[in-house]
Protein backbone atom coordinates (compact mmCIF):
# COMPACT_ATOMS: atom_id res chain seq x y z
CA MET A 1 152.40 357.17 110.26
CA THR A 2 149.25 358.30 112.01
CA ASP A 3 146.88 355.62 113.32
CA TRP A 4 143.58 357.21 112.34
CA LEU A 5 140.31 356.81 114.20
CA GLU A 6 136.85 357.37 112.76
CA LEU A 7 134.11 359.75 113.85
CA THR A 8 130.59 359.42 112.46
CA LEU A 9 128.12 362.31 112.40
CA GLU A 10 124.49 362.51 111.35
CA VAL A 11 124.23 365.74 109.37
CA MET A 12 120.70 367.11 109.09
CA ARG A 13 119.28 368.13 105.72
CA ASP A 14 116.44 370.29 107.08
CA ARG A 15 117.48 373.96 106.98
CA SER A 16 114.02 375.46 106.78
CA HIS A 17 114.56 377.01 110.22
CA ALA A 18 117.37 379.03 108.65
CA SER A 19 115.21 379.84 105.59
CA TRP A 20 117.47 377.74 103.37
CA LYS A 21 116.61 374.82 101.09
CA PHE A 22 117.33 371.26 102.18
CA LEU A 23 121.00 370.31 102.21
CA ASP A 24 121.93 368.12 99.24
CA ASP A 25 124.89 365.77 98.91
CA GLU A 26 126.72 367.94 96.38
CA GLU A 27 126.77 370.96 98.70
CA LEU A 28 128.13 368.86 101.57
CA LEU A 29 130.84 367.31 99.39
CA THR A 30 131.82 370.72 98.00
CA ALA A 31 132.29 372.09 101.52
CA LEU A 32 134.41 369.08 102.50
CA ALA A 33 136.52 369.32 99.34
CA ALA A 34 137.17 373.02 99.96
CA ARG A 35 138.64 372.04 103.33
CA ARG A 36 140.55 369.11 101.74
CA ALA A 37 139.04 366.76 104.33
CA VAL A 38 139.24 362.98 103.89
CA ALA A 39 135.73 361.60 104.42
CA ALA A 40 133.06 359.09 103.51
CA TYR A 41 129.31 359.64 103.43
CA LEU A 42 125.99 357.86 103.00
CA PRO A 43 122.62 359.39 102.04
CA GLY A 44 120.11 358.67 104.77
CA ALA A 45 117.67 357.03 102.35
CA ALA A 46 119.69 353.83 102.79
CA LEU A 47 118.76 353.94 106.48
CA ALA A 48 115.09 354.90 105.99
CA THR A 49 115.90 358.41 107.22
CA ARG A 50 116.04 360.64 104.14
CA ASP A 51 116.38 363.86 106.11
CA LEU A 52 119.94 363.20 107.24
CA VAL A 53 123.35 362.24 105.80
CA LEU A 54 125.92 360.04 107.52
CA LEU A 55 129.34 361.71 107.45
CA ARG A 56 132.46 359.89 108.63
CA LEU A 57 135.72 361.73 109.24
CA ALA A 58 139.22 360.47 110.01
CA VAL A 59 140.53 361.79 113.32
CA SER A 60 143.99 361.45 114.84
CA PRO A 61 144.43 360.08 118.39
CA GLU A 62 144.96 363.71 119.44
CA GLY A 63 141.51 364.62 118.09
CA ARG A 64 142.52 366.38 114.86
CA VAL A 65 140.71 365.92 111.54
CA ALA A 66 142.59 364.40 108.60
CA LEU A 67 143.24 366.98 105.84
CA LEU A 68 145.42 366.73 102.73
CA ASP A 69 148.78 368.49 102.72
CA GLU A 70 150.27 370.04 99.58
CA ALA A 71 151.48 366.63 98.40
CA GLY A 72 148.03 365.08 98.82
CA ALA A 73 148.90 363.03 101.91
CA PRO A 74 146.57 362.90 104.94
CA VAL A 75 147.90 364.84 107.93
CA PRO A 76 146.32 365.97 111.23
CA GLY A 77 144.52 369.29 110.81
CA PRO A 78 142.39 371.40 113.16
CA PRO A 79 140.72 370.00 116.29
CA VAL A 80 137.61 368.04 115.41
CA GLU A 81 135.35 370.28 117.51
CA GLU A 82 136.54 373.39 115.66
CA PHE A 83 136.29 371.71 112.24
CA VAL A 84 132.74 370.41 112.79
CA GLU A 85 131.44 373.68 114.22
CA GLU A 86 132.80 375.71 111.29
CA LEU A 87 131.48 373.21 108.74
CA LEU A 88 127.98 373.24 110.22
CA ALA A 89 127.96 377.03 110.51
CA GLU A 90 128.80 377.34 106.81
CA LEU A 91 126.14 374.80 105.85
CA ARG A 92 123.64 376.42 108.24
CA THR A 93 122.62 373.08 109.69
CA CYS A 94 123.24 370.84 112.69
CA ALA A 95 124.45 367.32 113.43
CA ALA A 96 124.37 364.55 116.00
CA VAL A 97 127.33 362.54 117.27
CA GLY A 98 126.03 359.34 118.79
CA PRO A 99 122.62 359.10 120.43
CA GLU A 100 122.81 362.21 122.63
CA GLU A 101 125.55 364.68 121.64
CA LEU A 102 124.08 367.40 119.42
CA VAL A 103 126.08 370.07 117.59
CA GLY A 104 124.89 373.13 115.69
CA PRO A 105 124.63 376.91 115.50
CA PRO A 106 122.89 378.47 118.51
CA TRP A 107 120.09 379.98 116.40
CA LEU A 108 118.78 376.55 115.32
CA PRO A 109 116.33 374.39 117.34
CA VAL A 110 118.79 371.48 117.18
CA PRO A 111 116.90 368.88 119.30
CA GLU A 112 113.70 369.41 117.30
CA ILE A 113 115.48 369.07 113.94
CA VAL A 114 117.39 365.93 114.99
CA GLU A 115 114.32 364.24 116.43
CA ALA A 116 112.35 364.81 113.22
CA ALA A 117 115.20 363.64 110.97
CA ARG A 118 115.76 360.44 112.94
CA ARG A 119 112.11 359.43 112.68
CA PRO A 120 112.17 356.28 110.51
CA GLU A 121 110.22 356.08 107.28
CA GLU A 122 108.00 353.20 106.21
CA ASP A 123 110.92 351.10 104.97
CA SER A 124 111.68 350.00 108.52
CA ARG A 125 110.33 347.47 110.98
CA VAL A 126 111.09 345.88 114.34
CA VAL A 127 110.30 342.30 115.36
CA TYR A 128 110.41 341.01 118.94
CA ALA A 129 110.48 337.30 119.77
CA TYR A 130 110.39 335.34 123.01
CA ARG A 131 109.98 331.75 124.09
CA GLY A 132 106.42 331.01 125.14
CA ASP A 133 102.96 330.05 124.01
CA ASP A 134 100.77 333.00 124.99
CA THR A 135 100.51 336.62 123.96
CA VAL A 136 100.17 338.22 127.40
CA LEU A 137 103.65 339.73 127.19
CA ALA A 138 103.06 340.75 123.57
CA ALA A 139 99.90 342.58 124.63
CA ALA A 140 102.00 344.39 127.24
CA PHE A 141 104.40 345.43 124.46
CA ALA A 142 101.49 346.92 122.49
CA ARG A 143 100.30 348.78 125.58
CA ASP A 144 103.77 350.14 126.42
CA LEU A 145 104.51 351.21 122.84
CA GLY A 146 101.03 352.62 122.24
CA MET A 147 100.76 350.99 118.83
CA PRO A 148 99.16 347.88 117.30
CA LEU A 149 101.39 344.81 117.01
CA THR A 150 100.93 341.55 115.14
CA ALA A 151 101.72 338.35 117.06
CA HIS A 152 102.52 334.94 115.56
CA ARG A 153 102.84 331.79 117.66
CA VAL A 154 105.22 329.41 115.89
CA ASP A 155 107.28 326.44 117.13
CA GLY A 156 107.22 327.47 120.78
CA TRP A 157 107.98 331.13 120.05
CA VAL A 158 105.84 334.24 120.12
CA VAL A 159 106.98 336.53 117.28
CA VAL A 160 105.68 340.11 117.52
CA ALA A 161 106.00 342.58 114.63
CA THR A 162 105.45 346.32 114.61
CA GLY A 163 103.90 348.08 111.68
CA PHE A 164 106.13 349.79 109.11
CA GLY A 165 107.97 352.91 110.24
CA PRO A 166 107.59 352.46 114.03
CA GLU A 167 108.26 355.67 115.94
CA ARG A 168 108.89 353.90 119.26
CA VAL A 169 110.82 350.79 120.24
CA LEU A 170 111.17 348.92 123.51
CA ALA A 171 113.91 350.34 125.71
CA GLY A 172 115.24 346.89 126.59
CA PRO A 173 114.39 343.26 127.32
CA PRO A 174 111.36 342.45 129.50
CA ARG A 175 111.68 342.90 133.22
CA ARG A 176 112.78 339.95 135.30
CA PHE A 177 109.32 339.11 136.68
CA THR A 178 107.44 339.26 133.36
CA GLY A 179 109.36 336.40 131.77
CA GLY A 180 109.66 336.14 128.02
CA TYR A 181 113.15 334.63 127.68
CA PRO A 182 115.15 333.99 125.63
CA PHE A 183 114.30 337.37 124.10
CA ALA A 184 115.38 338.60 120.66
CA VAL A 185 115.03 341.81 118.65
CA LEU A 186 115.33 342.00 114.87
CA ASP A 187 115.53 345.62 113.72
CA ARG A 188 115.71 346.76 110.09
CA ARG A 189 115.89 350.38 108.99
CA GLY A 190 116.40 350.50 105.25
CA GLU A 191 119.62 348.55 104.67
CA ARG A 192 120.77 348.71 108.29
CA ARG A 193 120.07 345.57 110.31
CA VAL A 194 120.49 344.82 114.01
CA PHE A 195 120.11 341.58 115.98
CA LEU A 196 119.87 341.64 119.79
CA TRP A 197 119.65 338.60 122.07
CA ALA A 198 119.18 338.12 125.80
CA ALA A 199 119.31 334.54 127.08
CA SER A 200 117.66 335.50 130.37
CA ALA A 201 116.90 338.47 132.59
CA LYS A 202 120.33 338.10 134.23
CA GLU A 203 122.84 340.45 132.65
CA SER A 204 125.56 337.91 133.44
CA ASP A 205 123.96 335.44 131.02
CA LEU A 206 124.56 335.59 127.28
CA ARG A 207 123.81 338.92 125.60
CA VAL A 208 124.45 339.45 121.89
CA ALA A 209 124.44 342.65 119.83
CA ALA A 210 125.28 342.23 116.14
CA ASP A 211 124.61 344.47 113.16
CA HIS A 212 125.14 344.80 109.42
CA GLN A 213 125.60 348.33 108.12
CA PRO A 214 125.54 349.51 104.49
CA ARG A 215 128.91 350.61 103.14
CA LEU A 216 129.50 354.35 102.91
CA VAL A 217 130.74 356.14 99.78
CA PRO A 218 134.44 357.16 99.92
CA ALA A 219 134.98 360.87 99.25
CA PRO A 220 138.71 361.64 98.96
CA PRO A 221 139.44 365.21 97.76
CA ASP A 222 140.99 365.85 94.34
CA GLY A 223 144.74 365.35 94.41
CA ALA A 224 144.64 362.71 97.14
CA ASP A 225 147.59 360.31 97.15
CA ALA A 226 147.30 356.54 97.58
CA ALA A 227 147.36 356.78 101.38
CA ALA A 228 144.50 359.29 101.40
CA VAL A 229 142.47 357.18 98.96
CA ASP A 230 143.01 354.12 101.16
CA LEU A 231 142.01 356.13 104.22
CA ALA A 232 138.75 357.21 102.57
CA ALA A 233 138.06 353.59 101.60
CA TRP A 234 138.68 352.54 105.20
CA LEU A 235 136.26 355.20 106.42
CA ALA A 236 133.62 353.79 104.08
CA ASP A 237 133.87 350.41 105.81
CA PRO A 238 136.14 350.34 108.88
CA ALA A 239 137.74 346.93 109.21
CA ASP A 240 136.96 344.72 112.17
CA PRO A 241 139.84 343.90 114.52
CA ALA A 242 142.15 341.33 112.96
CA GLU A 243 141.81 339.00 115.94
CA ALA A 244 138.43 337.25 116.03
CA PRO A 245 136.67 337.37 119.41
CA GLU A 246 136.48 334.19 121.44
CA ARG A 247 133.19 332.36 121.78
CA PRO A 248 131.33 333.80 124.80
CA GLU A 249 130.08 331.45 127.48
CA GLY A 250 126.58 330.26 126.64
CA MET A 251 126.99 330.67 122.86
CA THR A 252 127.01 327.55 120.69
CA ASP A 253 129.73 326.82 118.14
CA GLU A 254 127.20 327.26 115.33
CA GLN A 255 126.07 330.67 116.61
CA HIS A 256 129.68 331.78 116.95
CA ARG A 257 130.53 330.53 113.45
CA VAL A 258 127.62 332.40 111.86
CA LEU A 259 128.45 335.67 113.63
CA LEU A 260 132.13 335.40 112.67
CA GLY A 261 131.10 334.80 109.06
CA TRP A 262 129.62 338.30 108.94
CA ARG A 263 132.66 340.11 110.36
CA GLY A 264 133.95 342.44 107.67
CA ALA A 265 132.06 340.51 105.01
CA HIS A 266 130.88 342.36 101.90
CA ARG A 267 127.70 340.34 101.60
CA VAL A 268 124.09 341.11 100.76
CA GLY A 269 122.51 342.35 103.97
CA THR A 270 119.18 340.64 103.32
CA ASP A 271 120.71 337.35 104.48
CA PHE A 272 122.08 338.71 107.76
CA LEU A 273 118.99 338.52 109.95
CA ARG A 274 117.85 335.26 108.34
CA GLU A 275 121.12 333.47 109.08
CA VAL A 276 121.72 334.90 112.54
CA SER A 277 118.15 334.42 113.80
CA ALA A 278 118.11 330.84 112.49
CA ALA A 279 121.36 330.11 114.35
CA PHE A 280 119.68 331.23 117.57
CA GLY A 281 116.67 328.99 116.96
CA LEU A 282 114.09 331.60 115.92
CA PRO A 283 111.41 330.49 113.47
CA PRO A 284 111.82 331.76 109.86
CA VAL A 285 108.72 333.97 110.18
CA ALA A 286 110.72 336.42 112.35
CA ALA A 287 113.15 337.27 109.53
CA GLU A 288 110.36 337.10 106.96
CA LEU A 289 108.40 339.76 108.84
CA VAL A 290 111.31 342.14 109.42
CA GLU A 291 112.55 341.86 105.81
CA SER A 292 109.13 342.51 104.28
CA ARG A 293 108.37 345.90 102.73
CA PRO A 294 105.17 347.94 102.70
CA GLY A 295 102.79 346.33 100.24
CA ASP A 296 104.37 342.87 100.47
CA PRO A 297 102.11 339.91 101.37
CA GLN A 298 102.33 339.23 105.10
CA PRO A 299 102.56 335.77 106.73
CA GLU A 300 99.18 334.34 107.65
CA GLY A 301 98.08 333.40 111.15
CA GLY A 302 98.95 336.63 112.93
CA THR A 303 96.83 338.13 115.70
CA VAL A 304 96.56 341.91 115.90
CA LEU A 305 97.08 343.25 119.43
CA ARG A 306 95.94 346.83 119.94
CA PRO A 307 96.97 349.12 122.81
CA ALA A 308 94.58 348.52 125.70
CA ALA A 309 92.86 351.64 127.02
CA THR A 310 92.12 350.05 130.42
CA GLY A 311 93.51 347.29 132.61
CA THR A 312 90.40 345.18 132.05
CA GLN A 313 90.71 345.52 128.30
CA PHE A 314 94.40 344.59 128.51
CA VAL A 315 93.64 341.38 130.40
CA ALA A 316 90.82 340.46 128.02
CA GLU A 317 92.90 341.01 124.89
CA ALA A 318 95.91 339.22 126.33
CA MET A 319 93.90 336.20 127.45
CA ALA A 320 92.11 336.08 124.11
CA GLY A 321 95.41 334.98 122.64
CA LEU A 322 95.74 332.09 125.07
CA ASP A 323 97.17 329.03 123.39
CA ASP A 324 94.83 326.03 123.64
CA GLU A 325 97.47 323.38 123.04
CA GLU A 326 98.07 320.79 125.75
CA PRO A 327 101.00 321.77 128.01
CA THR A 328 104.06 319.54 127.86
CA GLY A 329 106.79 318.74 130.36
CA ARG A 330 107.57 316.25 133.12
CA THR A 331 107.79 318.48 136.17
CA PRO A 332 105.07 318.37 138.85
CA TRP A 333 104.01 321.88 137.83
CA ALA A 334 103.69 320.80 134.18
CA ALA A 335 101.61 317.80 135.25
CA LEU A 336 99.26 320.10 137.20
CA GLU A 337 98.94 322.48 134.24
CA ARG A 338 98.16 319.53 131.98
CA LEU A 339 95.45 318.32 134.39
CA LEU A 340 93.85 321.77 134.52
CA TRP A 341 94.02 322.04 130.72
CA ARG A 342 92.16 318.76 130.33
CA HIS A 343 89.59 319.61 133.02
CA PRO A 344 88.80 323.36 132.99
CA GLY A 345 86.07 322.73 135.57
CA ALA A 346 88.75 321.64 138.02
CA ALA A 347 90.64 324.85 137.27
CA VAL A 348 87.51 326.83 138.14
CA GLY A 349 87.26 324.99 141.44
CA LEU A 350 90.95 325.54 142.18
CA GLY A 351 90.65 329.24 141.41
CA ILE A 352 87.65 329.64 143.73
CA LEU A 353 89.46 327.71 146.48
CA GLU A 354 92.54 329.93 146.15
CA LEU A 355 90.38 333.06 146.38
CA LEU A 356 88.68 331.71 149.51
CA VAL A 357 92.06 331.03 151.14
CA ALA A 358 93.18 334.56 150.23
CA ALA A 359 90.01 336.00 151.77
CA LEU A 360 90.48 333.99 155.00
CA LEU A 361 94.08 335.14 155.32
CA ALA A 362 93.06 338.76 154.77
CA VAL A 363 90.29 338.49 157.39
CA SER A 364 92.70 336.99 159.93
CA VAL A 365 95.13 339.87 159.46
CA LEU A 366 92.38 342.50 159.72
CA ALA A 367 91.19 340.83 162.94
CA GLY A 368 94.65 341.26 164.41
CA ASP A 369 95.37 337.54 164.41
CA GLY A 370 98.34 337.40 162.05
CA HIS A 371 101.60 338.86 160.84
CA TRP A 372 102.53 340.86 157.76
CA TRP A 373 103.59 337.74 155.88
CA ARG A 374 99.93 336.67 155.78
CA TRP A 375 99.28 339.65 153.54
CA VAL A 376 101.94 338.28 151.20
CA LEU A 377 100.33 334.84 151.19
CA ALA A 378 96.91 336.40 150.64
CA ALA A 379 98.21 338.29 147.60
CA VAL A 380 99.84 335.16 146.17
CA PHE A 381 96.66 333.09 146.56
CA ALA A 382 94.51 335.90 145.16
CA LEU A 383 96.65 336.35 142.04
CA GLY A 384 96.88 332.60 141.49
CA GLY A 385 93.15 332.17 141.95
CA LEU A 386 92.29 334.95 139.51
CA ALA A 387 94.70 333.57 136.92
CA HIS A 388 93.29 330.04 137.14
CA LEU A 389 89.69 331.25 137.19
CA VAL A 390 89.92 333.65 134.23
CA GLU A 391 91.95 331.21 132.15
CA ALA A 392 89.52 328.35 132.82
CA VAL A 393 86.42 330.42 132.04
CA LEU A 394 87.90 331.62 128.74
CA ARG A 395 88.92 328.09 127.86
CA ILE A 396 85.43 326.73 128.61
CA ARG A 397 83.84 329.48 126.51
CA ARG A 398 86.21 328.77 123.63
CA ARG A 399 85.51 325.04 123.71
CA GLY A 400 81.78 325.42 124.27
CA GLY A 401 81.93 323.31 127.38
CA VAL A 402 84.32 321.27 129.48
CA ARG A 403 86.58 319.03 127.42
CA PRO A 404 86.67 315.52 128.87
CA GLY A 405 90.05 314.10 129.83
């Protein structure tokens, strides 16, 4: 008995470049049935990408597509490359296998067609979340993505939501020096949901990637025997490995239990991001935002962050979201931050002092009385002084004066 593997393609509907009408499901299924191929498919509307169809084929370990023999049993047929190329040529369209491999007739502008078809529609949204109490990093997200974002500060988290149908997403977690950890991504495109988690900037620390995909529609050809019908059903929802993965280091028992509960489960996908994000400590507003649809009421208390045209504008918009709650913690650094929060005037003085020290260090180096490391110290004092000074001035303006301790 053949141990079948699965191959998933994104078949493009747009055939206007070939002067043909859009590809419909019936035409695709007719072409597959004529070849007696065992398959499963899903209209792209379920993934907020109506201009493509997901097609999943059964492939032998030798790379041959599963076709029905005369008795209706699945057997290895032609090489998958040959089968796919002939199918696409007949349909006068193109396809994508994975994120980068594109297949199609040479007369079609394949990259252009695929890029347009993959562009998500309005029934999609991405939410980013990180531990913290300010929106400086969120403002950087808006700048990097070139789109407005809405930030919510809840229970020690900053939750940042895109608009509906975002055309760009962050390439990965924040860089090591910008902070923002733990960092989570909740991504919903139609009925497809993805949860990503990075405990810290170190790749050796806990990283999680979990998803919930809608089930495909089995499409066994007429005359298929029980084995072929079962194979098509398996293609519609490939089973997870029988052996459950062990709990990774850094993951709690509760997090592991919740993730295992979704392995191979035929459950309503709307609960996936709610349950998983809650297990990782995210506030409920994160799942509420990502599960909302265009026209739904949005959670109150969000701050709109627009892409900054200049560096000055970026700093101003980021600092405008500065949290004015008293810092907590028992470390010496936390005690200093608490003192400066209570006495913004002292923070102004500290900032000016740090800038003076930076200036003196720079002068000493320019006079030839110093080493390169003084430049480093000068930069550290200058950045620290500017941060304390700007933060204190904004805090004083917000409070209308210096708040007494």
